[in-house]
Amino acid sequence: MTGFSADWLALREPFDRAARETTWSTLDLPSHTARWREGAEPGACVNVIDLACGSGANLRALAPRIGGPQKWRLVDHDPVLLAAVPAAMHQWARDCGYTVALSAPAVLRITGNGFSVELATERRDLVCEIDAIDFTQTHLVSASALLDLVSAEWLAALLRNVRPTNAALLFALSVDGRTTWSPGDEADEHVHRLFAEHQRRDKGFGPALGTEAVQHALRVLTDEGYTFLQAQSDWHISDANAPNMHAAMIEGMAAAALEQDPHAASAVQQWQARRLAHAPQSQLTVGHIDFIALPPGQARPHEPSSG
């Protein structure tokens, strides 16, 4: 399974957060969570499983939006990232004025304005242990920046486990192939094509869905009777707001393109040099999609069956 460093996850988190600010009204989490709590005793928790959790960025984005009492299981294969969760949560809590305490051995309790979370981590290799995860009594299965890395077969295995529980699914920040530089460069299209081909390589889960991930997932979910809501969650990157991220994107795209086609080394390296030289005057938009899929019976009458 492909891994990501804590440094990269920290670098991208502000852009993920800004991108997702545009999606909340469309995804309408408060309405869904209110329905999950219907008929439950006062104080009942919304139960969330977050797959490929990294250091917990998805919880930090979602928990205040879900509101009320919550229980989260953060699942990842990387012990280094899981070990970084407590420190990341304490820093987030300090920045936001929340409180953090141990409510049980290895269980964090985070209390904020209008919500509280009990958080536990679980180490699992999602490639070969997806069937071993207990999804019972789960209201929401979430994942961020995962869907485009997995294969059609892996997604089918996930749905095989989740569908009987009647849980909703929320996939955030899946790439959709829209990559735009301003101003453009004559080699942008060539590099982007190689980069997109590289995204379809096996990331450990089988041949990756890459930029086709969202459309494939929504077709499969529609066949299973789910309804869904989706919104664009694009990154907007420039030297003005994040020179380190801007440079990392240029270098990362070039490295992937070179790995995909070593014979294109001269063209790709020249593109990289021009992009880095002109970085102070350029901007990059990377297209992503967020969507929530609701099982049969959970959608409001006016919610669409496709988006």
Protein backbone atom coordinates (compact mmCIF):
# COMPACT_ATOMS: atom_id res chain seq x y z
CA MET A 1 0.00 0.00 0.00
CA THR A 2 1.32 3.43 -0.97
CA GLY A 3 2.22 5.56 2.03
CA PHE A 4 2.48 9.30 2.57
CA SER A 5 4.74 11.15 4.94
CA ALA A 6 3.45 13.20 7.84
CA ASP A 7 5.24 16.22 6.32
CA TRP A 8 3.29 15.91 3.05
CA LEU A 9 -0.01 15.46 4.89
CA ALA A 10 0.69 18.57 6.98
CA LEU A 11 1.64 20.53 3.84
CA ARG A 12 -1.58 19.69 2.04
CA GLU A 13 -4.00 19.97 5.00
CA PRO A 14 -4.59 23.76 4.74
CA PHE A 15 -5.46 23.34 1.05
CA ASP A 16 -7.73 20.42 1.80
CA ARG A 17 -9.46 22.48 4.48
CA ALA A 18 -9.92 25.51 2.21
CA ALA A 19 -11.20 23.34 -0.65
CA ARG A 20 -13.76 21.64 1.57
CA GLU A 21 -15.15 24.92 2.87
CA THR A 22 -16.95 25.21 -0.47
CA THR A 23 -18.65 21.80 -0.20
CA TRP A 24 -20.39 21.85 3.20
CA SER A 25 -23.66 23.44 2.12
CA THR A 26 -24.08 20.94 -0.71
CA LEU A 27 -23.20 17.85 1.31
CA ASP A 28 -25.47 19.05 4.15
CA LEU A 29 -23.99 16.95 6.95
CA PRO A 30 -26.19 18.37 9.73
CA SER A 31 -29.35 17.07 8.03
CA HIS A 32 -27.90 13.60 7.58
CA THR A 33 -26.62 13.35 11.13
CA ALA A 34 -29.99 14.49 12.48
CA ARG A 35 -31.60 11.55 10.67
CA TRP A 36 -28.98 9.13 12.01
CA ARG A 37 -29.93 10.22 15.51
CA GLU A 38 -33.70 9.94 14.95
CA GLY A 39 -35.26 7.58 17.46
CA ALA A 40 -32.04 7.25 19.46
CA GLU A 41 -31.74 8.12 23.13
CA PRO A 42 -30.62 11.67 23.98
CA GLY A 43 -26.85 11.88 23.81
CA ALA A 44 -26.52 8.99 21.36
CA CYS A 45 -23.31 9.06 19.36
CA VAL A 46 -22.82 9.21 15.62
CA ASN A 47 -20.33 6.42 14.87
CA VAL A 48 -17.71 7.11 12.21
CA ILE A 49 -14.95 4.97 10.73
CA ASP A 50 -12.25 6.91 8.88
CA LEU A 51 -10.17 4.83 6.46
CA ALA A 52 -6.54 5.72 5.62
CA CYS A 53 -6.79 8.35 8.33
CA GLY A 54 -3.20 9.59 8.31
CA SER A 55 -2.81 11.93 11.27
CA GLY A 56 -6.57 12.55 11.53
CA ALA A 57 -7.21 15.48 9.17
CA ASN A 58 -10.59 14.10 8.12
CA LEU A 59 -11.82 14.07 11.71
CA ARG A 60 -10.63 17.64 12.16
CA ALA A 61 -12.62 18.67 9.10
CA LEU A 62 -15.78 16.68 9.78
CA ALA A 63 -16.33 16.47 13.54
CA PRO A 64 -17.35 20.11 14.09
CA ARG A 65 -19.71 19.84 11.10
CA ILE A 66 -21.32 16.62 12.32
CA GLY A 67 -21.88 18.12 15.76
CA GLY A 68 -23.06 16.47 18.97
CA PRO A 69 -21.59 13.31 20.52
CA GLN A 70 -19.47 11.19 18.19
CA LYS A 71 -17.31 8.07 18.28
CA TRP A 72 -14.54 7.75 15.73
CA ARG A 73 -12.25 4.90 14.75
CA LEU A 74 -9.26 6.10 12.77
CA VAL A 75 -7.86 3.26 10.66
CA ASP A 76 -4.49 3.24 8.91
CA HIS A 77 -1.69 0.81 8.12
CA ASP A 78 1.14 3.18 9.04
CA PRO A 79 2.18 3.07 12.72
CA VAL A 80 4.14 6.31 12.36
CA LEU A 81 1.06 8.22 11.22
CA LEU A 82 -1.14 6.63 13.88
CA ALA A 83 1.42 7.57 16.52
CA ALA A 84 1.22 11.18 15.29
CA VAL A 85 -2.56 11.39 15.85
CA PRO A 86 -2.51 12.46 19.54
CA ALA A 87 -0.05 15.31 18.99
CA ALA A 88 -1.96 16.50 15.91
CA MET A 89 -5.24 16.46 17.85
CA HIS A 90 -3.75 18.34 20.79
CA GLN A 91 -2.37 21.01 18.45
CA TRP A 92 -5.73 21.35 16.67
CA ALA A 93 -7.53 21.59 20.00
CA ARG A 94 -5.18 24.29 21.26
CA ASP A 95 -5.58 26.28 18.03
CA CYS A 96 -9.39 26.04 18.18
CA GLY A 97 -9.90 26.37 21.92
CA TYR A 98 -11.10 22.79 22.36
CA THR A 99 -10.17 20.46 25.21
CA VAL A 100 -8.50 17.04 24.96
CA ALA A 101 -8.31 14.34 27.62
CA LEU A 102 -7.93 10.59 27.92
CA SER A 103 -11.37 9.05 28.48
CA ALA A 104 -9.97 5.49 28.57
CA PRO A 105 -6.62 3.89 27.81
CA ALA A 106 -5.69 4.86 24.22
CA VAL A 107 -9.00 6.76 23.74
CA LEU A 108 -8.94 10.53 23.35
CA ARG A 109 -11.93 12.71 24.18
CA ILE A 110 -12.10 16.03 22.35
CA THR A 111 -14.71 18.56 23.38
CA GLY A 112 -15.48 21.64 21.31
CA ASN A 113 -18.25 24.12 20.69
CA GLY A 114 -21.30 21.95 20.00
CA PHE A 115 -19.57 18.60 19.62
CA SER A 116 -17.59 15.96 21.48
CA VAL A 117 -15.55 13.08 20.08
CA GLU A 118 -14.25 9.85 21.52
CA LEU A 119 -11.38 8.82 19.30
CA ALA A 120 -9.53 5.51 19.03
CA THR A 121 -7.02 4.37 16.40
CA GLU A 122 -6.84 0.98 14.73
CA ARG A 123 -3.94 -0.35 12.72
CA ARG A 124 -5.07 -2.30 9.66
CA ASP A 125 -3.59 -3.02 6.26
CA LEU A 126 -6.48 -1.83 4.14
CA VAL A 127 -5.23 -3.82 1.16
CA CYS A 128 -5.68 -7.23 2.73
CA GLU A 129 -7.66 -6.59 5.93
CA ILE A 130 -10.71 -4.71 4.71
CA ASP A 131 -12.86 -7.77 5.55
CA ALA A 132 -11.51 -7.74 9.12
CA ILE A 133 -12.79 -4.24 9.96
CA ASP A 134 -15.99 -4.25 12.01
CA PHE A 135 -18.42 -1.87 10.30
CA THR A 136 -21.46 -2.82 12.40
CA GLN A 137 -23.34 0.03 14.11
CA THR A 138 -21.50 2.53 11.92
CA HIS A 139 -23.39 5.56 10.62
CA LEU A 140 -20.66 6.96 8.35
CA VAL A 141 -17.60 5.53 6.63
CA SER A 142 -15.30 8.35 5.56
CA ALA A 143 -12.05 8.67 3.67
CA SER A 144 -10.08 11.59 2.28
CA ALA A 145 -7.74 11.42 -0.73
CA LEU A 146 -8.16 7.64 -0.90
CA LEU A 147 -10.72 6.81 -3.58
CA ASP A 148 -8.49 7.65 -6.55
CA LEU A 149 -5.74 5.35 -5.18
CA VAL A 150 -7.85 2.19 -4.94
CA SER A 151 -8.97 -0.32 -7.56
CA ALA A 152 -12.46 -1.24 -8.68
CA GLU A 153 -12.01 -4.60 -6.96
CA TRP A 154 -11.05 -2.98 -3.66
CA LEU A 155 -14.01 -0.62 -3.80
CA ALA A 156 -16.30 -3.59 -4.42
CA ALA A 157 -14.86 -5.31 -1.34
CA LEU A 158 -15.46 -2.19 0.77
CA LEU A 159 -19.07 -1.96 -0.37
CA ARG A 160 -19.57 -5.65 0.30
CA ASN A 161 -18.68 -4.97 3.93
CA VAL A 162 -20.43 -1.62 4.34
CA ARG A 163 -23.69 -2.19 2.47
CA PRO A 164 -25.23 -4.61 5.05
CA THR A 165 -24.67 -2.02 7.82
CA ASN A 166 -26.72 0.68 6.04
CA ALA A 167 -23.91 3.18 6.65
CA ALA A 168 -23.40 6.26 4.51
CA LEU A 169 -20.09 6.87 2.75
CA LEU A 170 -18.24 10.14 2.42
CA PHE A 171 -15.26 10.34 0.08
CA ALA A 172 -13.42 13.67 0.04
CA LEU A 173 -10.74 15.16 -2.19
CA SER A 174 -10.71 12.62 -5.00
CA VAL A 175 -8.88 13.91 -8.07
CA ASP A 176 -10.98 14.26 -11.21
CA GLY A 177 -8.36 15.16 -13.83
CA ARG A 178 -8.90 18.93 -13.97
CA THR A 179 -5.44 20.51 -13.70
CA THR A 180 -4.96 24.09 -14.87
CA TRP A 181 -1.99 26.43 -14.77
CA SER A 182 -2.22 30.17 -15.28
CA PRO A 183 -0.40 31.22 -17.35
CA GLY A 184 -0.12 28.03 -19.38
CA ASP A 185 3.01 26.34 -20.72
CA GLU A 186 3.42 24.54 -24.03
CA ALA A 187 4.31 21.29 -22.23
CA ASP A 188 1.49 21.34 -19.65
CA GLU A 189 -0.73 18.94 -21.60
CA HIS A 190 2.12 16.44 -22.11
CA VAL A 191 3.13 16.44 -18.45
CA HIS A 192 -0.48 16.26 -17.25
CA ARG A 193 -1.16 13.26 -19.51
CA LEU A 194 1.84 11.38 -18.12
CA PHE A 195 0.89 12.36 -14.57
CA ALA A 196 -2.68 11.09 -15.08
CA GLU A 197 -1.35 7.81 -16.49
CA HIS A 198 0.88 7.47 -13.42
CA GLN A 199 -2.15 7.97 -11.18
CA ARG A 200 -3.68 4.82 -12.69
CA ARG A 201 -0.74 2.67 -11.59
CA ASP A 202 -1.11 0.12 -8.81
CA LYS A 203 -0.81 1.95 -5.48
CA GLY A 204 -1.03 -1.30 -3.55
CA PHE A 205 -4.78 -1.84 -3.97
CA GLY A 206 -4.61 -3.04 -7.58
CA PRO A 207 -4.80 -0.81 -10.69
CA ALA A 208 -5.84 2.60 -9.35
CA LEU A 209 -9.06 4.24 -10.48
CA GLY A 210 -7.24 7.58 -10.70
CA THR A 211 -9.21 10.40 -12.29
CA GLU A 212 -12.10 8.02 -13.08
CA ALA A 213 -12.60 7.15 -9.41
CA VAL A 214 -15.60 9.34 -8.62
CA GLN A 215 -17.59 8.50 -11.74
CA HIS A 216 -16.90 4.78 -11.27
CA ALA A 217 -17.87 4.89 -7.60
CA LEU A 218 -21.10 6.78 -8.27
CA ARG A 219 -22.14 4.29 -10.98
CA VAL A 220 -21.55 1.39 -8.61
CA LEU A 221 -23.31 3.10 -5.71
CA THR A 222 -26.30 4.01 -7.87
CA ASP A 223 -26.62 0.35 -8.88
CA GLU A 224 -26.66 -0.50 -5.15
CA GLY A 225 -29.53 1.92 -4.54
CA TYR A 226 -27.54 4.76 -2.96
CA THR A 227 -28.33 8.41 -3.57
CA PHE A 228 -25.57 10.96 -3.47
CA LEU A 229 -24.62 14.61 -3.29
CA GLN A 230 -21.36 15.89 -4.74
CA ALA A 231 -19.42 19.15 -4.95
CA GLN A 232 -16.09 20.36 -6.30
CA SER A 233 -13.32 20.75 -3.72
CA ASP A 234 -10.50 22.22 -5.77
CA TRP A 235 -7.05 23.25 -4.63
CA HIS A 236 -5.92 26.78 -5.58
CA ILE A 237 -2.16 27.08 -5.18
CA SER A 238 0.29 29.90 -5.83
CA ASP A 239 3.56 31.23 -4.49
CA ALA A 240 1.59 33.97 -2.81
CA ASN A 241 -0.29 31.57 -0.52
CA ALA A 242 2.17 28.66 -0.26
CA PRO A 243 5.49 28.62 -2.13
CA ASN A 244 6.49 25.28 -0.58
CA MET A 245 3.27 23.60 -1.74
CA HIS A 246 3.59 25.19 -5.18
CA ALA A 247 7.13 23.85 -5.58
CA ALA A 248 6.13 20.44 -4.20
CA MET A 249 3.37 20.13 -6.80
CA ILE A 250 5.71 21.03 -9.66
CA GLU A 251 8.37 18.61 -8.48
CA GLY A 252 5.86 15.86 -7.72
CA MET A 253 4.21 16.10 -11.14
CA ALA A 254 7.59 16.06 -12.86
CA ALA A 255 8.80 13.05 -10.87
CA ALA A 256 5.63 11.07 -11.67
CA ALA A 257 5.80 12.00 -15.36
CA LEU A 258 9.45 10.91 -15.56
CA GLU A 259 8.65 7.64 -13.84
CA GLN A 260 5.81 7.06 -16.28
CA ASP A 261 7.94 7.80 -19.37
CA PRO A 262 11.71 8.04 -18.83
CA HIS A 263 12.12 8.79 -22.55
CA ALA A 264 10.38 12.12 -21.95
CA ALA A 265 13.11 13.23 -19.53
CA SER A 266 14.30 16.22 -21.53
CA ALA A 267 10.82 17.68 -22.11
CA VAL A 268 9.69 17.07 -18.53
CA GLN A 269 12.85 18.48 -16.96
CA GLN A 270 12.62 21.60 -19.12
CA TRP A 271 8.95 21.98 -18.13
CA GLN A 272 9.92 21.64 -14.46
CA ALA A 273 12.67 24.24 -14.77
CA ARG A 274 10.33 26.72 -16.49
CA ARG A 275 7.55 26.15 -13.97
CA LEU A 276 9.89 26.66 -10.99
CA ALA A 277 11.41 29.77 -12.58
CA HIS A 278 7.99 31.29 -13.25
CA ALA A 279 6.38 30.11 -10.02
CA PRO A 280 6.04 33.63 -8.51
CA GLN A 281 3.82 34.62 -11.46
CA SER A 282 1.78 31.42 -11.84
CA GLN A 283 -1.20 29.74 -10.21
CA LEU A 284 -2.31 26.11 -10.15
CA THR A 285 -5.80 24.69 -9.80
CA VAL A 286 -6.17 20.96 -9.07
CA GLY A 287 -9.68 19.58 -9.40
CA HIS A 288 -11.17 17.34 -6.70
CA ILE A 289 -14.64 16.05 -5.90
CA ASP A 290 -16.27 15.43 -2.51
CA PHE A 291 -19.41 13.30 -2.29
CA ILE A 292 -21.63 11.67 0.29
CA ALA A 293 -23.55 8.52 -0.66
CA LEU A 294 -26.67 7.65 1.34
CA PRO A 295 -28.12 4.14 1.44
CA PRO A 296 -31.74 3.48 0.45
CA GLY A 297 -34.20 5.18 2.76
CA GLN A 298 -31.85 7.88 4.06
CA ALA A 299 -32.21 10.54 1.37
CA ARG A 300 -34.70 13.38 1.69
CA PRO A 301 -37.38 13.35 -1.04
CA HIS A 302 -35.76 16.23 -2.94
CA GLU A 303 -32.23 14.80 -2.95
CA PRO A 304 -31.04 13.65 -6.39
CA SER A 305 -30.12 10.10 -7.26
CA SER A 306 -27.11 11.35 -9.19
CA GLY A 307 -25.08 14.50 -9.46
